[in-house]
Amino acid sequence: MAQAKRVMVSMPDSLLQEVDRFVRRETGNRSAFVREAVLLLMDQRMRKERLERCRIGYERTGKLNLELAEDGFDGDSSDFEIYEEYLMERE
């Protein structure tokens, strides 16, 4: 591990007791437990941010895809009408 810095964290006694129960069960120490908790929380929040950015991107892309599909459909419709007119003229 890189050079560690000492950090003071304040928490209610009841939370500290819960932490100590976890630490005793896992035969670790408070520092390791808090480090792991911080890493997990940061990972969870970064994942949530990525998902939100993806959601926004998919929303924007969905709107663009719909516009492109509608433009293509309009073009296909007019081409089909021209083709029908051509067929009717040949009869």
Protein backbone atom coordinates (compact mmCIF):
# COMPACT_ATOMS: atom_id res chain seq x y z
CA MET A 1 0.00 0.00 0.00
CA ALA A 2 1.17 3.56 -0.70
CA GLN A 3 2.17 5.81 2.13
CA ALA A 4 -0.79 6.05 4.52
CA LYS A 5 -2.10 9.22 6.10
CA ARG A 6 -3.85 9.23 9.43
CA VAL A 7 -7.41 10.58 9.26
CA MET A 8 -9.78 11.18 12.14
CA VAL A 9 -13.38 10.16 11.58
CA SER A 10 -16.21 11.03 13.94
CA MET A 11 -19.22 8.74 14.23
CA PRO A 12 -21.92 7.99 16.76
CA ASP A 13 -21.10 5.38 19.39
CA SER A 14 -23.78 3.04 18.07
CA LEU A 15 -22.21 3.05 14.59
CA LEU A 16 -18.73 2.51 16.03
CA GLN A 17 -20.05 -0.50 17.97
CA GLU A 18 -21.47 -1.95 14.74
CA VAL A 19 -18.13 -1.40 13.00
CA ASP A 20 -16.30 -3.10 15.84
CA ARG A 21 -18.68 -6.10 15.62
CA PHE A 22 -17.88 -6.47 11.92
CA VAL A 23 -14.18 -6.06 12.54
CA ARG A 24 -14.18 -8.75 15.25
CA ARG A 25 -16.07 -11.19 13.00
CA GLU A 26 -13.66 -10.69 10.15
CA THR A 27 -10.50 -10.53 12.31
CA GLY A 28 -9.42 -7.29 10.67
CA ASN A 29 -8.95 -3.84 12.08
CA ARG A 30 -10.92 -0.62 11.96
CA SER A 31 -8.59 1.04 9.47
CA ALA A 32 -8.85 -1.82 6.99
CA PHE A 33 -12.62 -1.93 7.43
CA VAL A 34 -13.01 1.83 6.84
CA ARG A 35 -10.67 1.70 3.81
CA GLU A 36 -12.73 -1.09 2.28
CA ALA A 37 -15.99 0.73 3.04
CA VAL A 38 -14.71 3.93 1.42
CA LEU A 39 -13.53 2.05 -1.68
CA LEU A 40 -16.84 0.23 -2.00
CA LEU A 41 -18.84 3.43 -1.62
CA MET A 42 -16.71 5.26 -4.18
CA ASP A 43 -17.03 2.34 -6.62
CA GLN A 44 -20.80 2.27 -6.14
CA ARG A 45 -21.13 6.01 -6.74
CA MET A 46 -18.88 5.95 -9.81
CA ARG A 47 -20.92 3.04 -11.22
CA LYS A 48 -24.13 5.00 -10.56
CA GLU A 49 -22.67 8.06 -12.35
CA ARG A 50 -21.63 5.91 -15.35
CA LEU A 51 -25.10 4.38 -15.55
CA GLU A 52 -26.68 7.83 -15.43
CA ARG A 53 -24.38 9.08 -18.22
CA CYS A 54 -25.28 6.00 -20.27
CA ARG A 55 -28.99 6.56 -19.65
CA ILE A 56 -28.70 10.17 -20.83
CA GLY A 57 -26.67 9.09 -23.86
CA TYR A 58 -29.18 6.38 -24.79
CA GLU A 59 -32.01 8.87 -24.39
CA ARG A 60 -30.31 11.33 -26.73
CA THR A 61 -29.34 8.62 -29.18
CA GLY A 62 -32.88 7.22 -29.10
CA LYS A 63 -34.32 10.59 -30.10
CA LEU A 64 -31.77 10.91 -32.90
CA ASN A 65 -32.48 7.36 -34.11
CA LEU A 66 -36.21 8.09 -34.12
CA GLU A 67 -35.65 11.25 -36.19
CA LEU A 68 -33.46 9.35 -38.64
CA ALA A 69 -36.00 6.54 -38.91
CA GLU A 70 -38.83 9.01 -39.50
CA ASP A 71 -36.79 10.81 -42.17
CA GLY A 72 -36.03 7.48 -43.82
CA PHE A 73 -39.69 6.46 -43.64
CA ASP A 74 -40.78 9.75 -45.21
CA GLY A 75 -38.28 9.21 -48.01
CA ASP A 76 -39.40 5.62 -48.48
CA SER A 77 -43.05 6.69 -48.55
CA SER A 78 -42.49 9.28 -51.24
CA ASP A 79 -40.42 6.79 -53.27
CA PHE A 80 -43.24 4.25 -52.93
CA GLU A 81 -45.82 6.81 -54.09
CA ILE A 82 -43.69 7.66 -57.13
CA TYR A 83 -43.35 3.96 -57.90
CA GLU A 84 -47.14 3.46 -57.61
CA GLU A 85 -47.77 6.41 -59.94
CA TYR A 86 -45.29 4.93 -62.42
CA LEU A 87 -47.08 1.58 -62.31
CA MET A 88 -50.48 3.20 -62.77
CA GLU A 89 -49.24 5.14 -65.80
CA ARG A 90 -48.01 1.93 -67.43
CA GLU A 91 -51.43 0.25 -67.22
